[in-house]
């Protein structure tokens, strides 16, 4: 498990109670996330509250299958399940079932393409530039400005 949060200690205790602590690694914050994603077979976002889940975008860009709880931001990023699996929040058996599904290569590739096309820093900068240019030129009323 990567990251930290308010449930970390209770998850560690649960792993001990279930007798699986030797199989669960708590890694804390990961500095080299790109390298970390390459070690995964699947990525699961189990959050109950997120805005735009950047961690989901990072996993998608890494080319690994993604599963997410049903969050507004995840539905947007995954385009209602086209680019990954969305499961109901707080539904452990649905998450486990999704984790066991074999991902389709097409789904993984479209996820990566989606991130590159819609969320890359270059594309974001180009969109902001186009927006500013439009706002600037639309605000000019050349008929009333001196030449």
C-alpha atoms as a PDB file:
ATOM      1  CA  UNK A   1       0.000   0.000   0.000  1.00  0.00           C
ATOM      2  CA  UNK A   2       1.406   3.329  -1.049  1.00  0.00           C
ATOM      3  CA  UNK A   3       0.685   6.701   0.495  1.00  0.00           C
ATOM      4  CA  UNK A   4      -0.368   7.764   3.922  1.00  0.00           C
ATOM      5  CA  UNK A   5      -3.590   8.872   5.498  1.00  0.00           C
ATOM      6  CA  UNK A   6      -5.808   8.788   8.536  1.00  0.00           C
ATOM      7  CA  UNK A   7      -6.642   5.080   8.082  1.00  0.00           C
ATOM      8  CA  UNK A   8      -3.042   3.866   7.856  1.00  0.00           C
ATOM      9  CA  UNK A   9      -2.743   2.670  11.459  1.00  0.00           C
ATOM     10  CA  UNK A  10      -6.117   0.929  11.418  1.00  0.00           C
ATOM     11  CA  UNK A  11      -5.147  -0.819   8.155  1.00  0.00           C
ATOM     12  CA  UNK A  12      -1.904  -2.035   9.703  1.00  0.00           C
ATOM     13  CA  UNK A  13      -3.830  -3.407  12.685  1.00  0.00           C
ATOM     14  CA  UNK A  14      -6.337  -5.059  10.354  1.00  0.00           C
ATOM     15  CA  UNK A  15      -3.539  -6.754   8.400  1.00  0.00           C
ATOM     16  CA  UNK A  16      -2.220  -8.181  11.695  1.00  0.00           C
ATOM     17  CA  UNK A  17      -5.715  -9.294  12.806  1.00  0.00           C
ATOM     18  CA  UNK A  18      -6.306 -11.032   9.471  1.00  0.00           C
ATOM     19  CA  UNK A  19      -2.920 -12.746   9.638  1.00  0.00           C
ATOM     20  CA  UNK A  20      -1.751 -11.230   6.357  1.00  0.00           C
ATOM     21  CA  UNK A  21       0.710  -8.632   7.607  1.00  0.00           C
ATOM     22  CA  UNK A  22       3.670 -10.512   6.116  1.00  0.00           C
ATOM     23  CA  UNK A  23       1.996 -10.182   2.685  1.00  0.00           C
ATOM     24  CA  UNK A  24       1.079  -6.496   2.929  1.00  0.00           C
ATOM     25  CA  UNK A  25       3.682  -3.781   2.561  1.00  0.00           C
ATOM     26  CA  UNK A  26       2.993  -0.245   3.768  1.00  0.00           C
ATOM     27  CA  UNK A  27       5.315   1.910   1.684  1.00  0.00           C
ATOM     28  CA  UNK A  28       4.333   5.400   2.807  1.00  0.00           C
ATOM     29  CA  UNK A  29       4.832   8.276   0.381  1.00  0.00           C
ATOM     30  CA  UNK A  30       6.565   7.265  -2.839  1.00  0.00           C
ATOM     31  CA  UNK A  31       9.109   9.716  -4.252  1.00  0.00           C
ATOM     32  CA  UNK A  32       9.668   7.966  -7.611  1.00  0.00           C
ATOM     33  CA  UNK A  33       6.065   7.211  -8.525  1.00  0.00           C
ATOM     34  CA  UNK A  34       6.769   6.509 -12.198  1.00  0.00           C
ATOM     35  CA  UNK A  35       9.088   3.657 -11.205  1.00  0.00           C
ATOM     36  CA  UNK A  36       6.604   2.438  -8.621  1.00  0.00           C
ATOM     37  CA  UNK A  37       3.731   2.206 -11.131  1.00  0.00           C
ATOM     38  CA  UNK A  38       5.861   0.036 -13.411  1.00  0.00           C
ATOM     39  CA  UNK A  39       6.043  -2.596 -10.665  1.00  0.00           C
ATOM     40  CA  UNK A  40       2.264  -2.965 -10.441  1.00  0.00           C
ATOM     41  CA  UNK A  41      -0.065  -5.373 -12.228  1.00  0.00           C
ATOM     42  CA  UNK A  42      -3.113  -3.290 -11.315  1.00  0.00           C
ATOM     43  CA  UNK A  43      -3.857  -0.039  -9.573  1.00  0.00           C
ATOM     44  CA  UNK A  44      -6.802   0.505  -7.238  1.00  0.00           C
ATOM     45  CA  UNK A  45      -7.995   3.869  -5.979  1.00  0.00           C
ATOM     46  CA  UNK A  46     -10.162   3.168  -2.944  1.00  0.00           C
ATOM     47  CA  UNK A  47     -10.791   6.743  -1.844  1.00  0.00           C
ATOM     48  CA  UNK A  48     -14.193   7.889  -0.685  1.00  0.00           C
ATOM     49  CA  UNK A  49     -13.485  11.562  -1.425  1.00  0.00           C
ATOM     50  CA  UNK A  50     -11.323  12.987  -4.223  1.00  0.00           C
ATOM     51  CA  UNK A  51     -11.472  15.891  -6.601  1.00  0.00           C
ATOM     52  CA  UNK A  52      -9.571  15.129  -9.784  1.00  0.00           C
ATOM     53  CA  UNK A  53      -7.519  12.073  -8.765  1.00  0.00           C
ATOM     54  CA  UNK A  54      -4.043  12.815 -10.122  1.00  0.00           C
ATOM     55  CA  UNK A  55      -2.830   9.444  -8.832  1.00  0.00           C
ATOM     56  CA  UNK A  56      -5.362   7.794 -11.167  1.00  0.00           C
ATOM     57  CA  UNK A  57      -4.037   9.807 -14.114  1.00  0.00           C
ATOM     58  CA  UNK A  58      -0.487   8.786 -13.218  1.00  0.00           C
ATOM     59  CA  UNK A  59      -1.440   5.105 -13.105  1.00  0.00           C
ATOM     60  CA  UNK A  60      -3.291   5.355 -16.413  1.00  0.00           C
ATOM     61  CA  UNK A  61      -0.320   7.085 -18.043  1.00  0.00           C
ATOM     62  CA  UNK A  62       1.910   4.266 -16.793  1.00  0.00           C
ATOM     63  CA  UNK A  63      -0.093   1.785 -18.827  1.00  0.00           C
ATOM     64  CA  UNK A  64      -1.480  -0.332 -16.015  1.00  0.00           C
ATOM     65  CA  UNK A  65      -5.127  -1.311 -15.566  1.00  0.00           C
ATOM     66  CA  UNK A  66      -6.984   0.903 -13.117  1.00  0.00           C
ATOM     67  CA  UNK A  67      -9.891   0.347 -10.774  1.00  0.00           C
ATOM     68  CA  UNK A  68     -11.528   3.143  -8.836  1.00  0.00           C
ATOM     69  CA  UNK A  69     -14.304   3.659  -6.386  1.00  0.00           C
ATOM     70  CA  UNK A  70     -17.229   5.592  -7.815  1.00  0.00           C
ATOM     71  CA  UNK A  71     -16.112   9.198  -7.476  1.00  0.00           C
ATOM     72  CA  UNK A  72     -17.168  12.089  -9.673  1.00  0.00           C
ATOM     73  CA  UNK A  73     -13.557  12.790 -10.679  1.00  0.00           C
ATOM     74  CA  UNK A  74     -12.911   9.123 -11.439  1.00  0.00           C
ATOM     75  CA  UNK A  75     -16.026   8.881 -13.589  1.00  0.00           C
ATOM     76  CA  UNK A  76     -14.787  11.912 -15.528  1.00  0.00           C
ATOM     77  CA  UNK A  77     -11.216  10.626 -15.942  1.00  0.00           C
ATOM     78  CA  UNK A  78     -12.304   7.077 -16.800  1.00  0.00           C
ATOM     79  CA  UNK A  79     -15.142   8.352 -18.992  1.00  0.00           C
ATOM     80  CA  UNK A  80     -17.770   6.377 -17.087  1.00  0.00           C
ATOM     81  CA  UNK A  81     -15.723   3.162 -17.204  1.00  0.00           C
ATOM     82  CA  UNK A  82     -14.348   3.220 -20.754  1.00  0.00           C
ATOM     83  CA  UNK A  83     -10.729   3.450 -19.569  1.00  0.00           C
ATOM     84  CA  UNK A  84     -10.915   1.473 -16.341  1.00  0.00           C
ATOM     85  CA  UNK A  85     -13.251  -0.207 -13.911  1.00  0.00           C
ATOM     86  CA  UNK A  86     -15.470   1.793 -11.575  1.00  0.00           C
ATOM     87  CA  UNK A  87     -16.900   0.062  -8.509  1.00  0.00           C
ATOM     88  CA  UNK A  88     -19.334   1.323  -5.886  1.00  0.00           C
ATOM     89  CA  UNK A  89     -17.687   3.056  -2.946  1.00  0.00           C
ATOM     90  CA  UNK A  90     -17.428   0.987   0.238  1.00  0.00           C
ATOM     91  CA  UNK A  91     -18.209  -2.211  -1.677  1.00  0.00           C
ATOM     92  CA  UNK A  92     -15.366  -4.562  -0.795  1.00  0.00           C
ATOM     93  CA  UNK A  93     -16.579  -7.565  -2.810  1.00  0.00           C
ATOM     94  CA  UNK A  94     -17.037  -5.439  -5.956  1.00  0.00           C
ATOM     95  CA  UNK A  95     -13.483  -4.112  -5.582  1.00  0.00           C
ATOM     96  CA  UNK A  96     -12.125  -7.644  -5.078  1.00  0.00           C
ATOM     97  CA  UNK A  97     -14.031  -8.929  -8.116  1.00  0.00           C
ATOM     98  CA  UNK A  98     -12.766  -6.040 -10.269  1.00  0.00           C
ATOM     99  CA  UNK A  99      -9.222  -6.699  -9.103  1.00  0.00           C
ATOM    100  CA  UNK A 100      -9.452 -10.283 -10.352  1.00  0.00           C
ATOM    101  CA  UNK A 101     -10.743  -9.355 -13.820  1.00  0.00           C
ATOM    102  CA  UNK A 102      -8.303  -9.713 -16.674  1.00  0.00           C
ATOM    103  CA  UNK A 103      -7.818  -6.265 -18.233  1.00  0.00           C
ATOM    104  CA  UNK A 104      -8.305  -5.736 -21.933  1.00  0.00           C
ATOM    105  CA  UNK A 105      -5.205  -4.389 -23.676  1.00  0.00           C
ATOM    106  CA  UNK A 106      -7.406  -1.974 -25.627  1.00  0.00           C
ATOM    107  CA  UNK A 107      -8.744  -0.471 -22.397  1.00  0.00           C
ATOM    108  CA  UNK A 108      -5.227   0.085 -21.073  1.00  0.00           C
ATOM    109  CA  UNK A 109      -4.045   1.736 -24.288  1.00  0.00           C
ATOM    110  CA  UNK A 110      -7.078   4.027 -24.532  1.00  0.00           C
ATOM    111  CA  UNK A 111      -6.500   5.042 -20.899  1.00  0.00           C
ATOM    112  CA  UNK A 112      -2.940   6.051 -21.649  1.00  0.00           C
ATOM    113  CA  UNK A 113      -4.017   7.887 -24.808  1.00  0.00           C
ATOM    114  CA  UNK A 114      -6.716   9.718 -22.818  1.00  0.00           C
ATOM    115  CA  UNK A 115      -4.182  11.007 -20.302  1.00  0.00           C
ATOM    116  CA  UNK A 116      -1.732  12.081 -22.988  1.00  0.00           C
ATOM    117  CA  UNK A 117      -4.440  13.831 -25.021  1.00  0.00           C
ATOM    118  CA  UNK A 118      -6.500  15.473 -22.306  1.00  0.00           C
ATOM    119  CA  UNK A 119      -4.325  15.867 -19.218  1.00  0.00           C
ATOM    120  CA  UNK A 120      -0.716  16.406 -20.304  1.00  0.00           C
ATOM    121  CA  UNK A 121       0.981  19.633 -19.201  1.00  0.00           C
ATOM    122  CA  UNK A 122       1.672  20.611 -22.823  1.00  0.00           C
ATOM    123  CA  UNK A 123      -1.941  20.162 -23.882  1.00  0.00           C
ATOM    124  CA  UNK A 124      -3.175  21.996 -20.787  1.00  0.00           C
ATOM    125  CA  UNK A 125      -0.847  24.925 -21.549  1.00  0.00           C
ATOM    126  CA  UNK A 126      -2.009  25.007 -25.169  1.00  0.00           C
ATOM    127  CA  UNK A 127      -5.672  25.020 -24.092  1.00  0.00           C
ATOM    128  CA  UNK A 128      -5.073  27.844 -21.615  1.00  0.00           C
ATOM    129  CA  UNK A 129      -3.181  29.819 -24.283  1.00  0.00           C
ATOM    130  CA  UNK A 130      -6.051  29.381 -26.774  1.00  0.00           C
ATOM    131  CA  UNK A 131      -8.555  30.448 -24.109  1.00  0.00           C
ATOM    132  CA  UNK A 132      -6.573  33.609 -23.246  1.00  0.00           C
ATOM    133  CA  UNK A 133      -6.142  34.455 -26.924  1.00  0.00           C
ATOM    134  CA  UNK A 134      -9.873  34.057 -27.517  1.00  0.00           C
ATOM    135  CA  UNK A 135     -10.743  36.176 -24.488  1.00  0.00           C
ATOM    136  CA  UNK A 136      -8.244  38.841 -25.514  1.00  0.00           C
ATOM    137  CA  UNK A 137      -9.324  39.075 -29.145  1.00  0.00           C
ATOM    138  CA  UNK A 138     -13.021  38.836 -28.289  1.00  0.00           C
ATOM    139  CA  UNK A 139     -12.589  41.744 -25.871  1.00  0.00           C
ATOM    140  CA  UNK A 140     -11.172  43.979 -28.601  1.00  0.00           C
ATOM    141  CA  UNK A 141     -13.743  46.090 -30.332  1.00  0.00           C
ATOM    142  CA  UNK A 142     -11.694  47.218 -33.318  1.00  0.00           C
ATOM    143  CA  UNK A 143     -14.441  49.515 -34.588  1.00  0.00           C
ATOM    144  CA  UNK A 144     -14.001  51.870 -31.598  1.00  0.00           C
ATOM    145  CA  UNK A 145     -10.203  51.656 -31.205  1.00  0.00           C
ATOM    146  CA  UNK A 146      -7.884  54.102 -32.919  1.00  0.00           C
ATOM    147  CA  UNK A 147      -5.536  52.585 -35.450  1.00  0.00           C
END
